[in-house]
Amino acid sequence: MPLIKAEHIAVEFPLYHVGARSLKKRLLARSPIRLKEDESHRIVVAALRDLSFVIEPGERVALVGGNGAGKTTLLRTLAGIYEPVAGRLEVDGSIGSLIDPAAGMDSEATGRENIMLRGLFLGMSETDCEALAEEAGRFSGLGEFLDVPIRTYSAGMSVRLSFAAATLMEPEILLMDEWFMAGDADFIERANERLEKLVTGADILVLATHNMSIVRKWCTRAIRLAGGRVVADGPVEEILAGET
């Protein structure tokens, strides 16, 4: 059964090229909360600090907070991109990530090759990958451009292919960084239909966003982050009280 369980997790990023002792002292004096010196005497940014929560099947969770609060860092940690330096994180279930739809795309490969490589990475057969590529081509509307290197694509074509590739999945846990709203009107409508299918089909949704209307429409619970910490956790309307 899908489950996300975090127990006092922390994520830190070292700041390299900060070797002078006087500079270290100035940095630490100016930001005694988010910057600190680790055991190796490096200056590190405390991106996430002492986070604990449980997300169970059926929950639709919004991560809210200002810029730099830690929302995207937490999503990437749940996706396995970042590893906690402290605490314990348990993520059970297949994960679908819409944090960066273009991640892993090879600009020298064709659109078809990129789709097939993604399918093979997910453990699919070559036949299934080929069918997946055809479906992605139809959805993105790329036509013959599906078989040319993506470095030749326009920005709009790249967005459509990246979105098609990233949504060719049926995950148990869906991680999203903002609701996708790019492209022309026709593509946005089709993209929203696919997103809604993904969201309703997933057992768990974790969505980081600044759009409170999206939170109210799709989420049942909100976790507010500030300074890398959880400062509030509860029903959406309770956490968003007073916000537009």
C-alpha atoms as a PDB file:
ATOM      1  CA  MET A   1       0.000   0.000   0.000  1.00  0.00           C
ATOM      2  CA  PRO A   2       1.459   3.415  -0.973  1.00  0.00           C
ATOM      3  CA  LEU A   3       2.775   5.440   1.944  1.00  0.00           C
ATOM      4  CA  ILE A   4       5.086   8.385   2.630  1.00  0.00           C
ATOM      5  CA  LYS A   5       6.545   8.651   6.116  1.00  0.00           C
ATOM      6  CA  ALA A   6       9.118  11.233   7.172  1.00  0.00           C
ATOM      7  CA  GLU A   7      10.694  11.221  10.621  1.00  0.00           C
ATOM      8  CA  HIS A   8      12.818  14.268  11.506  1.00  0.00           C
ATOM      9  CA  ILE A   9      14.422  14.456   8.059  1.00  0.00           C
ATOM     10  CA  ALA A  10      16.967  17.130   7.189  1.00  0.00           C
ATOM     11  CA  VAL A  11      18.526  18.100   3.864  1.00  0.00           C
ATOM     12  CA  GLU A  12      21.628  20.272   3.578  1.00  0.00           C
ATOM     13  CA  PHE A  13      23.535  21.715   0.634  1.00  0.00           C
ATOM     14  CA  PRO A  14      27.224  22.596   1.037  1.00  0.00           C
ATOM     15  CA  LEU A  15      28.429  25.976  -0.215  1.00  0.00           C
ATOM     16  CA  TYR A  16      31.708  25.375  -1.988  1.00  0.00           C
ATOM     17  CA  HIS A  17      34.346  28.058  -2.589  1.00  0.00           C
ATOM     18  CA  VAL A  18      33.646  29.581   0.820  1.00  0.00           C
ATOM     19  CA  GLY A  19      36.966  28.755   2.372  1.00  0.00           C
ATOM     20  CA  ALA A  20      38.163  31.973   3.984  1.00  0.00           C
ATOM     21  CA  ARG A  21      37.568  31.968   7.727  1.00  0.00           C
ATOM     22  CA  SER A  22      36.553  35.644   7.793  1.00  0.00           C
ATOM     23  CA  LEU A  23      33.980  35.082   5.028  1.00  0.00           C
ATOM     24  CA  LYS A  24      32.564  32.082   6.889  1.00  0.00           C
ATOM     25  CA  LYS A  25      32.141  34.177  10.003  1.00  0.00           C
ATOM     26  CA  ARG A  26      30.345  36.942   8.120  1.00  0.00           C
ATOM     27  CA  LEU A  27      27.977  34.482   6.440  1.00  0.00           C
ATOM     28  CA  LEU A  28      27.150  32.700   9.687  1.00  0.00           C
ATOM     29  CA  ALA A  29      26.611  35.988  11.513  1.00  0.00           C
ATOM     30  CA  ARG A  30      24.161  37.228   8.880  1.00  0.00           C
ATOM     31  CA  SER A  31      22.096  34.037   8.675  1.00  0.00           C
ATOM     32  CA  PRO A  32      22.371  32.019  11.893  1.00  0.00           C
ATOM     33  CA  ILE A  33      19.284  29.926  11.058  1.00  0.00           C
ATOM     34  CA  ARG A  34      19.662  28.545   7.500  1.00  0.00           C
ATOM     35  CA  LEU A  35      23.476  28.594   7.273  1.00  0.00           C
ATOM     36  CA  LYS A  36      25.736  26.579   9.533  1.00  0.00           C
ATOM     37  CA  GLU A  37      29.067  24.786   9.645  1.00  0.00           C
ATOM     38  CA  ASP A  38      28.961  20.983   9.359  1.00  0.00           C
ATOM     39  CA  GLU A  39      31.307  18.353  10.799  1.00  0.00           C
ATOM     40  CA  SER A  40      33.667  18.796   7.850  1.00  0.00           C
ATOM     41  CA  HIS A  41      33.830  22.564   8.563  1.00  0.00           C
ATOM     42  CA  ARG A  42      31.928  23.417   5.393  1.00  0.00           C
ATOM     43  CA  ILE A  43      29.272  26.118   5.266  1.00  0.00           C
ATOM     44  CA  VAL A  44      25.979  24.392   4.434  1.00  0.00           C
ATOM     45  CA  VAL A  45      22.455  25.604   3.725  1.00  0.00           C
ATOM     46  CA  ALA A  46      19.896  23.890   5.941  1.00  0.00           C
ATOM     47  CA  ALA A  47      17.301  23.429   3.170  1.00  0.00           C
ATOM     48  CA  LEU A  48      14.977  21.163   5.185  1.00  0.00           C
ATOM     49  CA  ARG A  49      15.047  20.957   8.963  1.00  0.00           C
ATOM     50  CA  ASP A  50      13.462  18.345  11.214  1.00  0.00           C
ATOM     51  CA  LEU A  51      10.460  17.492   9.007  1.00  0.00           C
ATOM     52  CA  SER A  52       8.039  14.833  10.237  1.00  0.00           C
ATOM     53  CA  PHE A  53       4.757  13.814   8.599  1.00  0.00           C
ATOM     54  CA  VAL A  54       2.839  10.831   7.223  1.00  0.00           C
ATOM     55  CA  ILE A  55       0.900  10.822   3.938  1.00  0.00           C
ATOM     56  CA  GLU A  56      -1.480   7.911   3.457  1.00  0.00           C
ATOM     57  CA  PRO A  57      -3.419   6.497   0.471  1.00  0.00           C
ATOM     58  CA  GLY A  58      -6.217   8.760  -0.718  1.00  0.00           C
ATOM     59  CA  GLU A  59      -4.584  11.962   0.466  1.00  0.00           C
ATOM     60  CA  ARG A  60      -4.095  14.927  -1.836  1.00  0.00           C
ATOM     61  CA  VAL A  61      -1.463  17.117  -0.190  1.00  0.00           C
ATOM     62  CA  ALA A  62      -0.461  20.651  -1.165  1.00  0.00           C
ATOM     63  CA  LEU A  63       2.934  22.039  -0.167  1.00  0.00           C
ATOM     64  CA  VAL A  64       2.511  25.779   0.301  1.00  0.00           C
ATOM     65  CA  GLY A  65       4.747  28.625   1.445  1.00  0.00           C
ATOM     66  CA  GLY A  66       6.813  31.467   0.077  1.00  0.00           C
ATOM     67  CA  ASN A  67       9.759  31.262  -2.274  1.00  0.00           C
ATOM     68  CA  GLY A  68      12.649  29.478  -0.588  1.00  0.00           C
ATOM     69  CA  ALA A  69      10.383  27.751   1.930  1.00  0.00           C
ATOM     70  CA  GLY A  70      11.593  24.297   0.853  1.00  0.00           C
ATOM     71  CA  LYS A  71       8.670  23.053  -1.267  1.00  0.00           C
ATOM     72  CA  THR A  72      10.629  21.934  -4.335  1.00  0.00           C
ATOM     73  CA  THR A  73      13.461  20.597  -2.195  1.00  0.00           C
ATOM     74  CA  LEU A  74      10.979  18.434  -0.315  1.00  0.00           C
ATOM     75  CA  LEU A  75       9.452  17.164  -3.573  1.00  0.00           C
ATOM     76  CA  ARG A  76      12.895  16.255  -4.894  1.00  0.00           C
ATOM     77  CA  THR A  77      13.710  14.504  -1.648  1.00  0.00           C
ATOM     78  CA  LEU A  78      10.507  12.456  -1.885  1.00  0.00           C
ATOM     79  CA  ALA A  79      11.436  11.611  -5.492  1.00  0.00           C
ATOM     80  CA  GLY A  80      14.848  10.339  -4.391  1.00  0.00           C
ATOM     81  CA  ILE A  81      16.828  13.113  -6.076  1.00  0.00           C
ATOM     82  CA  TYR A  82      18.133  14.435  -2.749  1.00  0.00           C
ATOM     83  CA  GLU A  83      19.073  12.240   0.185  1.00  0.00           C
ATOM     84  CA  PRO A  84      18.388  13.352   3.768  1.00  0.00           C
ATOM     85  CA  VAL A  85      21.468  13.895   5.932  1.00  0.00           C
ATOM     86  CA  ALA A  86      19.461  13.100   9.044  1.00  0.00           C
ATOM     87  CA  GLY A  87      16.209  11.397   9.991  1.00  0.00           C
ATOM     88  CA  ARG A  88      14.374   8.612   8.199  1.00  0.00           C
ATOM     89  CA  LEU A  89      12.295   8.764   5.001  1.00  0.00           C
ATOM     90  CA  GLU A  90      10.078   5.909   3.819  1.00  0.00           C
ATOM     91  CA  VAL A  91       8.387   6.112   0.405  1.00  0.00           C
ATOM     92  CA  ASP A  92       6.470   2.983  -0.599  1.00  0.00           C
ATOM     93  CA  GLY A  93       4.854   2.790  -4.038  1.00  0.00           C
ATOM     94  CA  SER A  94       5.678   3.615  -7.651  1.00  0.00           C
ATOM     95  CA  ILE A  95       6.533   7.291  -8.108  1.00  0.00           C
ATOM     96  CA  GLY A  96       5.637   9.574 -10.979  1.00  0.00           C
ATOM     97  CA  SER A  97       7.450  12.904 -10.962  1.00  0.00           C
ATOM     98  CA  LEU A  98       6.340  16.103 -12.698  1.00  0.00           C
ATOM     99  CA  ILE A  99       8.982  18.229 -10.999  1.00  0.00           C
ATOM    100  CA  ASP A 100      10.901  18.921 -14.215  1.00  0.00           C
ATOM    101  CA  PRO A 101       9.217  17.340 -17.254  1.00  0.00           C
ATOM    102  CA  ALA A 102      12.329  17.879 -19.398  1.00  0.00           C
ATOM    103  CA  ALA A 103      14.669  16.082 -16.989  1.00  0.00           C
ATOM    104  CA  GLY A 104      16.599  13.263 -18.634  1.00  0.00           C
ATOM    105  CA  MET A 105      15.853  14.343 -22.201  1.00  0.00           C
ATOM    106  CA  ASP A 106      18.794  13.922 -24.633  1.00  0.00           C
ATOM    107  CA  SER A 107      18.903  16.884 -27.015  1.00  0.00           C
ATOM    108  CA  GLU A 108      20.861  14.901 -29.632  1.00  0.00           C
ATOM    109  CA  ALA A 109      18.315  12.058 -29.708  1.00  0.00           C
ATOM    110  CA  THR A 110      15.006  12.219 -31.547  1.00  0.00           C
ATOM    111  CA  GLY A 111      11.694  12.653 -29.813  1.00  0.00           C
ATOM    112  CA  ARG A 112      10.870   9.004 -30.502  1.00  0.00           C
ATOM    113  CA  GLU A 113      14.198   7.812 -29.096  1.00  0.00           C
ATOM    114  CA  ASN A 114      13.715   9.879 -25.935  1.00  0.00           C
ATOM    115  CA  ILE A 115      10.258   8.415 -25.355  1.00  0.00           C
ATOM    116  CA  MET A 116      11.481   4.866 -25.948  1.00  0.00           C
ATOM    117  CA  LEU A 117      14.449   5.315 -23.630  1.00  0.00           C
ATOM    118  CA  ARG A 118      12.128   6.557 -20.895  1.00  0.00           C
ATOM    119  CA  GLY A 119       9.879   3.540 -21.374  1.00  0.00           C
ATOM    120  CA  LEU A 120      12.831   1.124 -21.264  1.00  0.00           C
ATOM    121  CA  PHE A 121      14.019   2.800 -18.067  1.00  0.00           C
ATOM    122  CA  LEU A 122      10.573   2.098 -16.588  1.00  0.00           C
ATOM    123  CA  GLY A 123      10.991  -1.596 -17.437  1.00  0.00           C
ATOM    124  CA  MET A 124       8.704  -1.722 -20.471  1.00  0.00           C
ATOM    125  CA  SER A 125       9.259  -3.980 -23.496  1.00  0.00           C
ATOM    126  CA  GLU A 126      10.545  -2.528 -26.764  1.00  0.00           C
ATOM    127  CA  THR A 127       7.160  -3.183 -28.401  1.00  0.00           C
ATOM    128  CA  ASP A 128       5.347  -1.324 -25.633  1.00  0.00           C
ATOM    129  CA  CYS A 129       7.876   1.513 -25.835  1.00  0.00           C
ATOM    130  CA  GLU A 130       7.228   1.890 -29.555  1.00  0.00           C
ATOM    131  CA  ALA A 131       3.483   2.080 -28.918  1.00  0.00           C
ATOM    132  CA  LEU A 132       4.199   4.617 -26.168  1.00  0.00           C
ATOM    133  CA  ALA A 133       6.206   6.764 -28.570  1.00  0.00           C
ATOM    134  CA  GLU A 134       3.396   6.706 -31.136  1.00  0.00           C
ATOM    135  CA  GLU A 135       0.880   7.764 -28.499  1.00  0.00           C
ATOM    136  CA  ALA A 136       3.197  10.549 -27.311  1.00  0.00           C
ATOM    137  CA  GLY A 137       3.580  11.730 -30.884  1.00  0.00           C
ATOM    138  CA  ARG A 138      -0.182  11.914 -31.340  1.00  0.00           C
ATOM    139  CA  PHE A 139      -0.708  13.684 -28.044  1.00  0.00           C
ATOM    140  CA  SER A 140       2.062  16.235 -28.599  1.00  0.00           C
ATOM    141  CA  GLY A 141       1.051  16.846 -32.207  1.00  0.00           C
ATOM    142  CA  LEU A 142       4.691  16.689 -33.347  1.00  0.00           C
ATOM    143  CA  GLY A 143       3.978  14.564 -36.432  1.00  0.00           C
ATOM    144  CA  GLU A 144       7.128  13.985 -38.495  1.00  0.00           C
ATOM    145  CA  PHE A 145       9.184  16.006 -36.004  1.00  0.00           C
ATOM    146  CA  LEU A 146       8.998  13.033 -33.652  1.00  0.00           C
ATOM    147  CA  ASP A 147      11.858  11.549 -35.682  1.00  0.00           C
ATOM    148  CA  VAL A 148      14.263  14.497 -35.671  1.00  0.00           C
ATOM    149  CA  PRO A 149      16.681  15.505 -32.850  1.00  0.00           C
ATOM    150  CA  ILE A 150      14.947  17.554 -30.183  1.00  0.00           C
ATOM    151  CA  ARG A 151      17.709  20.183 -30.320  1.00  0.00           C
ATOM    152  CA  THR A 152      15.960  21.375 -33.484  1.00  0.00           C
ATOM    153  CA  TYR A 153      12.607  21.828 -31.707  1.00  0.00           C
ATOM    154  CA  SER A 154      11.070  25.169 -30.923  1.00  0.00           C
ATOM    155  CA  ALA A 155      10.413  25.958 -27.257  1.00  0.00           C
ATOM    156  CA  GLY A 156       6.747  25.050 -27.672  1.00  0.00           C
ATOM    157  CA  MET A 157       7.541  21.717 -29.332  1.00  0.00           C
ATOM    158  CA  SER A 158      10.001  20.859 -26.555  1.00  0.00           C
ATOM    159  CA  VAL A 159       7.386  21.623 -23.905  1.00  0.00           C
ATOM    160  CA  ARG A 160       4.786  19.421 -25.597  1.00  0.00           C
ATOM    161  CA  LEU A 161       7.172  16.491 -25.975  1.00  0.00           C
ATOM    162  CA  SER A 162       8.502  16.830 -22.405  1.00  0.00           C
ATOM    163  CA  PHE A 163       4.978  16.898 -21.006  1.00  0.00           C
ATOM    164  CA  ALA A 164       3.887  13.917 -23.104  1.00  0.00           C
ATOM    165  CA  ALA A 165       6.943  11.933 -21.975  1.00  0.00           C
ATOM    166  CA  ALA A 166       6.518  12.838 -18.300  1.00  0.00           C
ATOM    167  CA  THR A 167       2.839  11.864 -18.221  1.00  0.00           C
ATOM    168  CA  LEU A 168       3.176   8.448 -19.873  1.00  0.00           C
ATOM    169  CA  MET A 169       2.770   6.735 -16.525  1.00  0.00           C
ATOM    170  CA  GLU A 170       0.224   5.534 -14.001  1.00  0.00           C
ATOM    171  CA  PRO A 171       1.997   6.108 -10.681  1.00  0.00           C
ATOM    172  CA  GLU A 172       0.746   5.266  -7.227  1.00  0.00           C
ATOM    173  CA  ILE A 173       2.434   8.422  -5.891  1.00  0.00           C
ATOM    174  CA  LEU A 174       2.335  11.552  -8.055  1.00  0.00           C
ATOM    175  CA  LEU A 175       4.727  14.404  -7.245  1.00  0.00           C
ATOM    176  CA  MET A 176       4.087  17.734  -8.987  1.00  0.00           C
ATOM    177  CA  ASP A 177       5.844  21.101  -8.876  1.00  0.00           C
ATOM    178  CA  GLU A 178       3.128  23.537  -9.980  1.00  0.00           C
ATOM    179  CA  TRP A 179       0.177  22.738 -12.217  1.00  0.00           C
ATOM    180  CA  PHE A 180       1.155  22.566 -15.876  1.00  0.00           C
ATOM    181  CA  MET A 181      -0.193  25.557 -17.833  1.00  0.00           C
ATOM    182  CA  ALA A 182       2.015  26.028 -20.905  1.00  0.00           C
ATOM    183  CA  GLY A 183       1.385  25.883 -24.632  1.00  0.00           C
ATOM    184  CA  ASP A 184      -1.417  27.001 -26.887  1.00  0.00           C
ATOM    185  CA  ALA A 185      -5.067  26.862 -25.821  1.00  0.00           C
ATOM    186  CA  ASP A 186      -5.749  23.518 -27.489  1.00  0.00           C
ATOM    187  CA  PHE A 187      -2.716  21.866 -25.908  1.00  0.00           C
ATOM    188  CA  ILE A 188      -3.475  23.336 -22.472  1.00  0.00           C
ATOM    189  CA  GLU A 189      -6.939  21.793 -22.626  1.00  0.00           C
ATOM    190  CA  ARG A 190      -5.547  18.376 -23.553  1.00  0.00           C
ATOM    191  CA  ALA A 191      -2.780  18.685 -20.970  1.00  0.00           C
ATOM    192  CA  ASN A 192      -5.290  19.502 -18.240  1.00  0.00           C
ATOM    193  CA  GLU A 193      -7.376  16.474 -19.172  1.00  0.00           C
ATOM    194  CA  ARG A 194      -4.302  14.240 -18.880  1.00  0.00           C
ATOM    195  CA  LEU A 195      -3.225  15.850 -15.612  1.00  0.00           C
ATOM    196  CA  GLU A 196      -6.669  15.329 -14.123  1.00  0.00           C
ATOM    197  CA  LYS A 197      -6.558  11.667 -15.137  1.00  0.00           C
ATOM    198  CA  LEU A 198      -3.134  11.294 -13.500  1.00  0.00           C
ATOM    199  CA  VAL A 199      -4.254  13.043 -10.325  1.00  0.00           C
ATOM    200  CA  THR A 200      -7.457  11.036  -9.916  1.00  0.00           C
ATOM    201  CA  GLY A 201      -5.667   7.788 -10.752  1.00  0.00           C
ATOM    202  CA  ALA A 202      -2.840   8.211  -8.226  1.00  0.00           C
ATOM    203  CA  ASP A 203      -3.242   6.903  -4.681  1.00  0.00           C
ATOM    204  CA  ILE A 204      -1.264   9.852  -3.285  1.00  0.00           C
ATOM    205  CA  LEU A 205      -0.747  13.348  -4.702  1.00  0.00           C
ATOM    206  CA  VAL A 206       1.867  15.795  -3.413  1.00  0.00           C
ATOM    207  CA  LEU A 207       1.646  19.157  -5.185  1.00  0.00           C
ATOM    208  CA  ALA A 208       3.853  22.192  -4.570  1.00  0.00           C
ATOM    209  CA  THR A 209       2.183  25.367  -5.808  1.00  0.00           C
ATOM    210  CA  HIS A 210       1.524  29.063  -5.260  1.00  0.00           C
ATOM    211  CA  ASN A 211      -1.915  28.774  -6.893  1.00  0.00           C
ATOM    212  CA  MET A 212      -4.444  28.563  -4.081  1.00  0.00           C
ATOM    213  CA  SER A 213      -7.359  27.912  -6.447  1.00  0.00           C
ATOM    214  CA  ILE A 214      -5.594  24.742  -7.614  1.00  0.00           C
ATOM    215  CA  VAL A 215      -4.994  23.752  -3.996  1.00  0.00           C
ATOM    216  CA  ARG A 216      -8.664  24.220  -3.124  1.00  0.00           C
ATOM    217  CA  LYS A 217      -9.806  22.290  -6.194  1.00  0.00           C
ATOM    218  CA  TRP A 218      -7.550  19.260  -5.957  1.00  0.00           C
ATOM    219  CA  CYS A 219      -6.149  18.962  -2.441  1.00  0.00           C
ATOM    220  CA  THR A 220      -7.619  17.816   0.867  1.00  0.00           C
ATOM    221  CA  ARG A 221      -4.648  18.683   3.066  1.00  0.00           C
ATOM    222  CA  ALA A 222      -1.994  21.384   3.098  1.00  0.00           C
ATOM    223  CA  ILE A 223       1.466  21.453   4.628  1.00  0.00           C
ATOM    224  CA  ARG A 224       2.852  24.961   5.031  1.00  0.00           C
ATOM    225  CA  LEU A 225       6.628  25.303   4.942  1.00  0.00           C
ATOM    226  CA  ALA A 226       8.727  28.261   6.072  1.00  0.00           C
ATOM    227  CA  GLY A 227      12.491  28.340   6.390  1.00  0.00           C
ATOM    228  CA  GLY A 228      12.724  24.632   5.635  1.00  0.00           C
ATOM    229  CA  ARG A 229      10.384  23.645   8.473  1.00  0.00           C
ATOM    230  CA  VAL A 230       6.761  22.526   8.694  1.00  0.00           C
ATOM    231  CA  VAL A 231       4.890  25.365  10.393  1.00  0.00           C
ATOM    232  CA  ALA A 232       1.320  24.142   9.794  1.00  0.00           C
ATOM    233  CA  ASP A 233      -0.330  20.920   8.649  1.00  0.00           C
ATOM    234  CA  GLY A 234      -4.035  20.271   8.317  1.00  0.00           C
ATOM    235  CA  PRO A 235      -7.192  20.564   6.175  1.00  0.00           C
ATOM    236  CA  VAL A 236      -6.825  22.906   3.212  1.00  0.00           C
ATOM    237  CA  GLU A 237      -9.309  25.564   4.321  1.00  0.00           C
ATOM    238  CA  GLU A 238      -7.835  25.641   7.813  1.00  0.00           C
ATOM    239  CA  ILE A 239      -4.288  26.180   6.526  1.00  0.00           C
ATOM    240  CA  LEU A 240      -5.300  28.629   3.792  1.00  0.00           C
ATOM    241  CA  ALA A 241      -7.644  30.701   5.930  1.00  0.00           C
ATOM    242  CA  GLY A 242      -7.424  34.337   4.861  1.00  0.00           C
ATOM    243  CA  GLU A 243      -5.597  33.629   1.585  1.00  0.00           C
ATOM    244  CA  THR A 244      -7.031  34.329  -1.870  1.00  0.00           C
END
